[in-house]
Amino acid sequence: MSINSKHLATFILGAAAGVAAHKYLQSEEGEKLLEDLKTKANNLKAEAEGAIDKAPEYFDELKTKGADTLKSSFPDAESFFKDLYEKFVGGKSSPETATPQNTPTPDPIS
């Protein structure tokens, strides 16, 4: 692999940018910038840790409110989902043990 002038120019520009960044960060303004970045990073970290601590509580509340809203808006939703679940679970059993959903069970004769 040969080194052409584009690669050499890219390397030199990258090295120059690195030297310039190092010089800037050693100045008073650069140190202030680094301190600001560290402060913002620590604030973001604390906010993320707080969100992690609150997540289970938030999802429990979301689950409760979602279930209540679903029940109030669609009262038949619970039975619909139970029937749907039974169709999927019941469909996996053997045909002899599965009973049809719409066939009424006859009363026993005494």
N, C-alpha and C. Protein backbone atom coordinates (compact mmCIF):
# COMPACT_ATOMS: atom_id res chain seq x y z
N MET A 1 0.85 -1.16 0.00
CA MET A 1 0.00 0.00 0.00
C MET A 1 0.90 1.23 0.00
N SER A 2 0.71 2.05 -0.96
CA SER A 2 1.58 3.22 -1.08
C SER A 2 0.97 4.42 -0.38
N ILE A 3 1.82 5.30 0.07
CA ILE A 3 1.37 6.53 0.72
C ILE A 3 1.38 7.61 -0.35
N ASN A 4 0.19 8.14 -0.62
CA ASN A 4 0.14 9.22 -1.60
C ASN A 4 0.02 10.56 -0.87
N SER A 5 -0.03 11.62 -1.60
CA SER A 5 -0.02 12.96 -1.01
C SER A 5 -1.29 13.25 -0.20
N LYS A 6 -2.41 12.64 -0.58
CA LYS A 6 -3.65 12.86 0.18
C LYS A 6 -3.54 12.28 1.59
N HIS A 7 -2.99 11.07 1.68
CA HIS A 7 -2.84 10.44 2.99
C HIS A 7 -1.88 11.24 3.87
N LEU A 8 -0.80 11.70 3.28
CA LEU A 8 0.20 12.46 4.02
C LEU A 8 -0.39 13.79 4.50
N ALA A 9 -1.14 14.46 3.64
CA ALA A 9 -1.77 15.73 4.01
C ALA A 9 -2.81 15.52 5.12
N THR A 10 -3.57 14.44 5.03
CA THR A 10 -4.56 14.13 6.06
C THR A 10 -3.88 13.88 7.40
N PHE A 11 -2.78 13.14 7.40
CA PHE A 11 -2.06 12.87 8.63
C PHE A 11 -1.51 14.16 9.24
N ILE A 12 -0.92 15.02 8.41
CA ILE A 12 -0.35 16.26 8.91
C ILE A 12 -1.43 17.18 9.47
N LEU A 13 -2.58 17.28 8.77
CA LEU A 13 -3.68 18.11 9.27
C LEU A 13 -4.24 17.55 10.58
N GLY A 14 -4.34 16.25 10.70
CA GLY A 14 -4.83 15.64 11.94
C GLY A 14 -3.89 15.90 13.10
N ALA A 15 -2.60 15.77 12.84
CA ALA A 15 -1.61 16.03 13.88
C ALA A 15 -1.65 17.50 14.30
N ALA A 16 -1.78 18.41 13.32
CA ALA A 16 -1.85 19.84 13.63
C ALA A 16 -3.10 20.16 14.46
N ALA A 17 -4.23 19.52 14.12
CA ALA A 17 -5.45 19.73 14.89
C ALA A 17 -5.29 19.22 16.32
N GLY A 18 -4.61 18.10 16.49
CA GLY A 18 -4.36 17.56 17.82
C GLY A 18 -3.48 18.48 18.66
N VAL A 19 -2.44 19.03 18.03
CA VAL A 19 -1.56 19.96 18.75
C VAL A 19 -2.32 21.22 19.13
N ALA A 20 -3.14 21.74 18.22
CA ALA A 20 -3.92 22.94 18.50
C ALA A 20 -4.93 22.70 19.63
N ALA A 21 -5.59 21.54 19.62
CA ALA A 21 -6.54 21.22 20.68
C ALA A 21 -5.82 21.11 22.03
N HIS A 22 -4.67 20.49 22.03
CA HIS A 22 -3.89 20.35 23.27
C HIS A 22 -3.49 21.73 23.81
N LYS A 23 -3.01 22.59 22.94
CA LYS A 23 -2.62 23.95 23.35
C LYS A 23 -3.82 24.71 23.91
N TYR A 24 -4.98 24.59 23.23
CA TYR A 24 -6.18 25.30 23.68
C TYR A 24 -6.63 24.79 25.05
N LEU A 25 -6.63 23.47 25.22
CA LEU A 25 -7.09 22.91 26.49
C LEU A 25 -6.14 23.22 27.64
N GLN A 26 -4.89 23.56 27.37
CA GLN A 26 -3.95 23.95 28.41
C GLN A 26 -4.12 25.41 28.82
N SER A 27 -4.84 26.18 28.01
CA SER A 27 -5.05 27.60 28.34
C SER A 27 -6.14 27.73 29.41
N GLU A 28 -6.34 28.94 29.90
CA GLU A 28 -7.35 29.19 30.94
C GLU A 28 -8.75 28.92 30.41
N GLU A 29 -9.02 29.33 29.18
CA GLU A 29 -10.34 29.08 28.58
C GLU A 29 -10.57 27.58 28.39
N GLY A 30 -9.54 26.87 27.99
CA GLY A 30 -9.67 25.43 27.79
C GLY A 30 -9.96 24.70 29.09
N GLU A 31 -9.28 25.12 30.17
CA GLU A 31 -9.53 24.51 31.47
C GLU A 31 -10.95 24.80 31.94
N LYS A 32 -11.43 26.01 31.66
CA LYS A 32 -12.80 26.36 32.01
C LYS A 32 -13.79 25.50 31.21
N LEU A 33 -13.49 25.31 29.93
CA LEU A 33 -14.34 24.46 29.08
C LEU A 33 -14.39 23.03 29.63
N LEU A 34 -13.24 22.49 30.02
CA LEU A 34 -13.19 21.13 30.58
C LEU A 34 -13.98 21.03 31.88
N GLU A 35 -13.88 22.05 32.73
CA GLU A 35 -14.65 22.04 33.98
C GLU A 35 -16.15 22.08 33.70
N ASP A 36 -16.56 22.90 32.73
CA ASP A 36 -17.97 22.95 32.36
C ASP A 36 -18.46 21.61 31.82
N LEU A 37 -17.63 20.98 30.99
CA LEU A 37 -17.99 19.67 30.45
C LEU A 37 -18.10 18.63 31.56
N LYS A 38 -17.17 18.66 32.52
CA LYS A 38 -17.23 17.71 33.64
C LYS A 38 -18.49 17.93 34.48
N THR A 39 -18.84 19.20 34.72
CA THR A 39 -20.04 19.51 35.50
C THR A 39 -21.29 19.01 34.78
N LYS A 40 -21.37 19.29 33.49
CA LYS A 40 -22.53 18.85 32.72
C LYS A 40 -22.62 17.33 32.66
N ALA A 41 -21.48 16.67 32.53
CA ALA A 41 -21.47 15.20 32.49
C ALA A 41 -21.92 14.62 33.83
N ASN A 42 -21.46 15.21 34.94
CA ASN A 42 -21.89 14.73 36.26
C ASN A 42 -23.38 14.97 36.49
N ASN A 43 -23.90 16.11 36.03
CA ASN A 43 -25.34 16.37 36.14
C ASN A 43 -26.14 15.37 35.33
N LEU A 44 -25.67 15.08 34.13
CA LEU A 44 -26.36 14.11 33.27
C LEU A 44 -26.32 12.72 33.90
N LYS A 45 -25.19 12.38 34.51
CA LYS A 45 -25.07 11.08 35.17
C LYS A 45 -26.05 10.98 36.34
N ALA A 46 -26.13 12.03 37.15
CA ALA A 46 -27.05 12.03 38.29
C ALA A 46 -28.49 11.94 37.83
N GLU A 47 -28.82 12.65 36.75
CA GLU A 47 -30.18 12.59 36.21
C GLU A 47 -30.51 11.19 35.70
N ALA A 48 -29.56 10.55 35.04
CA ALA A 48 -29.77 9.19 34.53
C ALA A 48 -29.94 8.20 35.68
N GLU A 49 -29.15 8.35 36.74
CA GLU A 49 -29.29 7.45 37.89
C GLU A 49 -30.63 7.65 38.57
N GLY A 50 -31.10 8.91 38.65
CA GLY A 50 -32.42 9.17 39.21
C GLY A 50 -33.52 8.55 38.37
N ALA A 51 -33.36 8.62 37.06
CA ALA A 51 -34.36 8.02 36.17
C ALA A 51 -34.39 6.50 36.32
N ILE A 52 -33.24 5.90 36.52
CA ILE A 52 -33.18 4.45 36.71
C ILE A 52 -33.88 4.06 38.01
N ASP A 53 -33.71 4.86 39.05
CA ASP A 53 -34.36 4.57 40.32
C ASP A 53 -35.87 4.72 40.23
N LYS A 54 -36.35 5.66 39.42
CA LYS A 54 -37.78 5.92 39.31
C LYS A 54 -38.47 5.03 38.28
N ALA A 55 -37.72 4.33 37.44
CA ALA A 55 -38.30 3.55 36.35
C ALA A 55 -39.29 2.48 36.81
N PRO A 56 -38.98 1.64 37.79
CA PRO A 56 -39.96 0.62 38.18
C PRO A 56 -41.28 1.23 38.67
N GLU A 57 -41.19 2.29 39.45
CA GLU A 57 -42.39 2.97 39.94
C GLU A 57 -43.20 3.54 38.77
N TYR A 58 -42.51 4.13 37.81
CA TYR A 58 -43.18 4.72 36.65
C TYR A 58 -43.90 3.64 35.84
N PHE A 59 -43.24 2.50 35.61
CA PHE A 59 -43.86 1.46 34.81
C PHE A 59 -45.02 0.78 35.55
N ASP A 60 -44.93 0.67 36.86
CA ASP A 60 -46.07 0.14 37.62
C ASP A 60 -47.27 1.07 37.50
N GLU A 61 -47.02 2.38 37.62
CA GLU A 61 -48.10 3.35 37.48
C GLU A 61 -48.68 3.32 36.06
N LEU A 62 -47.82 3.20 35.07
CA LEU A 62 -48.27 3.14 33.68
C LEU A 62 -49.12 1.90 33.44
N LYS A 63 -48.70 0.77 34.03
CA LYS A 63 -49.45 -0.47 33.88
C LYS A 63 -50.84 -0.35 34.53
N THR A 64 -50.88 0.22 35.72
CA THR A 64 -52.15 0.38 36.43
C THR A 64 -53.09 1.33 35.69
N LYS A 65 -52.57 2.49 35.32
CA LYS A 65 -53.40 3.46 34.61
C LYS A 65 -53.83 2.94 33.25
N GLY A 66 -52.93 2.23 32.57
CA GLY A 66 -53.27 1.67 31.26
C GLY A 66 -54.38 0.63 31.37
N ALA A 67 -54.28 -0.23 32.38
CA ALA A 67 -55.31 -1.25 32.57
C ALA A 67 -56.65 -0.60 32.93
N ASP A 68 -56.62 0.41 33.80
CA ASP A 68 -57.87 1.08 34.19
C ASP A 68 -58.50 1.79 32.99
N THR A 69 -57.68 2.46 32.20
CA THR A 69 -58.20 3.16 31.02
C THR A 69 -58.77 2.18 30.02
N LEU A 70 -58.09 1.06 29.81
CA LEU A 70 -58.57 0.05 28.88
C LEU A 70 -59.90 -0.53 29.36
N LYS A 71 -60.00 -0.80 30.67
CA LYS A 71 -61.24 -1.36 31.21
C LYS A 71 -62.39 -0.37 31.12
N SER A 72 -62.12 0.92 31.35
CA SER A 72 -63.20 1.90 31.30
C SER A 72 -63.60 2.23 29.86
N SER A 73 -62.64 2.25 28.95
CA SER A 73 -62.95 2.59 27.56
C SER A 73 -63.51 1.40 26.80
N PHE A 74 -63.00 0.22 27.08
CA PHE A 74 -63.43 -1.00 26.39
C PHE A 74 -63.75 -2.06 27.42
N PRO A 75 -64.98 -2.07 27.94
CA PRO A 75 -65.31 -3.00 29.03
C PRO A 75 -65.18 -4.48 28.64
N ASP A 76 -65.33 -4.81 27.37
CA ASP A 76 -65.24 -6.20 26.95
C ASP A 76 -63.81 -6.61 26.58
N ALA A 77 -62.86 -5.73 26.75
CA ALA A 77 -61.49 -6.02 26.34
C ALA A 77 -60.89 -7.18 27.13
N GLU A 78 -61.18 -7.25 28.42
CA GLU A 78 -60.60 -8.31 29.23
C GLU A 78 -61.08 -9.68 28.77
N SER A 79 -62.38 -9.80 28.54
CA SER A 79 -62.89 -11.09 28.07
C SER A 79 -62.40 -11.40 26.66
N PHE A 80 -62.26 -10.37 25.83
CA PHE A 80 -61.74 -10.57 24.47
C PHE A 80 -60.32 -11.14 24.53
N PHE A 81 -59.46 -10.53 25.36
CA PHE A 81 -58.08 -11.00 25.44
C PHE A 81 -58.00 -12.39 26.08
N LYS A 82 -58.88 -12.68 27.05
CA LYS A 82 -58.88 -14.01 27.64
C LYS A 82 -59.29 -15.05 26.60
N ASP A 83 -60.33 -14.73 25.80
CA ASP A 83 -60.76 -15.65 24.75
C ASP A 83 -59.66 -15.85 23.71
N LEU A 84 -59.01 -14.76 23.36
CA LEU A 84 -57.93 -14.83 22.38
C LEU A 84 -56.78 -15.69 22.91
N TYR A 85 -56.46 -15.50 24.18
CA TYR A 85 -55.41 -16.31 24.81
C TYR A 85 -55.80 -17.79 24.83
N GLU A 86 -57.04 -18.06 25.17
CA GLU A 86 -57.51 -19.44 25.20
C GLU A 86 -57.45 -20.09 23.82
N LYS A 87 -57.74 -19.32 22.79
CA LYS A 87 -57.67 -19.87 21.44
C LYS A 87 -56.24 -20.27 21.10
N PHE A 88 -55.28 -19.42 21.48
CA PHE A 88 -53.89 -19.76 21.18
C PHE A 88 -53.39 -20.90 22.05
N VAL A 89 -53.68 -20.88 23.31
CA VAL A 89 -53.22 -21.94 24.21
C VAL A 89 -54.00 -23.21 23.95
N GLY A 90 -55.30 -23.08 23.77
CA GLY A 90 -56.14 -24.25 23.51
C GLY A 90 -55.83 -24.87 22.17
N GLY A 91 -55.39 -24.10 21.20
CA GLY A 91 -55.08 -24.61 19.87
C GLY A 91 -53.85 -25.49 19.87
N LYS A 92 -53.02 -25.42 20.91
CA LYS A 92 -51.80 -26.22 20.96
C LYS A 92 -52.03 -27.58 21.61
N SER A 93 -53.18 -27.78 22.25
CA SER A 93 -53.45 -29.07 22.90
C SER A 93 -53.96 -30.06 21.87
N SER A 94 -54.11 -31.30 22.29
CA SER A 94 -54.57 -32.33 21.37
C SER A 94 -56.05 -32.11 21.06
N PRO A 95 -56.50 -32.52 19.87
CA PRO A 95 -57.89 -32.27 19.47
C PRO A 95 -58.91 -33.01 20.33
N GLU A 96 -58.52 -34.13 20.95
CA GLU A 96 -59.50 -34.87 21.76
C GLU A 96 -59.83 -34.12 23.04
N THR A 97 -58.87 -33.39 23.61
CA THR A 97 -59.12 -32.73 24.88
C THR A 97 -59.70 -31.33 24.69
N ALA A 98 -59.59 -30.78 23.52
CA ALA A 98 -60.10 -29.43 23.29
C ALA A 98 -61.61 -29.48 23.08
N THR A 99 -62.33 -28.59 23.75
CA THR A 99 -63.77 -28.50 23.56
C THR A 99 -64.08 -27.27 22.74
N PRO A 100 -65.06 -27.37 21.87
CA PRO A 100 -65.41 -26.19 21.08
C PRO A 100 -65.92 -25.08 21.98
N GLN A 101 -65.61 -23.82 21.62
CA GLN A 101 -65.98 -22.67 22.45
C GLN A 101 -67.49 -22.39 22.42
N ASN A 102 -68.16 -22.59 21.31
CA ASN A 102 -69.55 -22.19 21.18
C ASN A 102 -70.54 -23.32 21.43
N THR A 103 -70.09 -24.53 21.71
CA THR A 103 -70.99 -25.64 21.96
C THR A 103 -71.39 -25.67 23.42
N PRO A 104 -72.70 -25.58 23.72
CA PRO A 104 -73.11 -25.62 25.12
C PRO A 104 -72.95 -27.03 25.69
N THR A 105 -72.65 -27.07 26.98
CA THR A 105 -72.49 -28.36 27.67
C THR A 105 -73.87 -28.83 28.11
N PRO A 106 -74.26 -30.05 27.75
CA PRO A 106 -75.60 -30.55 28.12
C PRO A 106 -75.69 -30.81 29.63
N ASP A 107 -76.90 -30.63 30.15
CA ASP A 107 -77.15 -30.88 31.57
C ASP A 107 -77.19 -32.39 31.80
N PRO A 108 -76.60 -32.84 32.90
CA PRO A 108 -76.65 -34.27 33.18
C PRO A 108 -78.07 -34.70 33.59
N ILE A 109 -78.39 -35.92 33.25
CA ILE A 109 -79.71 -36.45 33.60
C ILE A 109 -79.60 -37.16 34.94
N SER A 110 -80.49 -36.81 35.86
CA SER A 110 -80.41 -37.41 37.19
C SER A 110 -81.16 -38.70 37.24
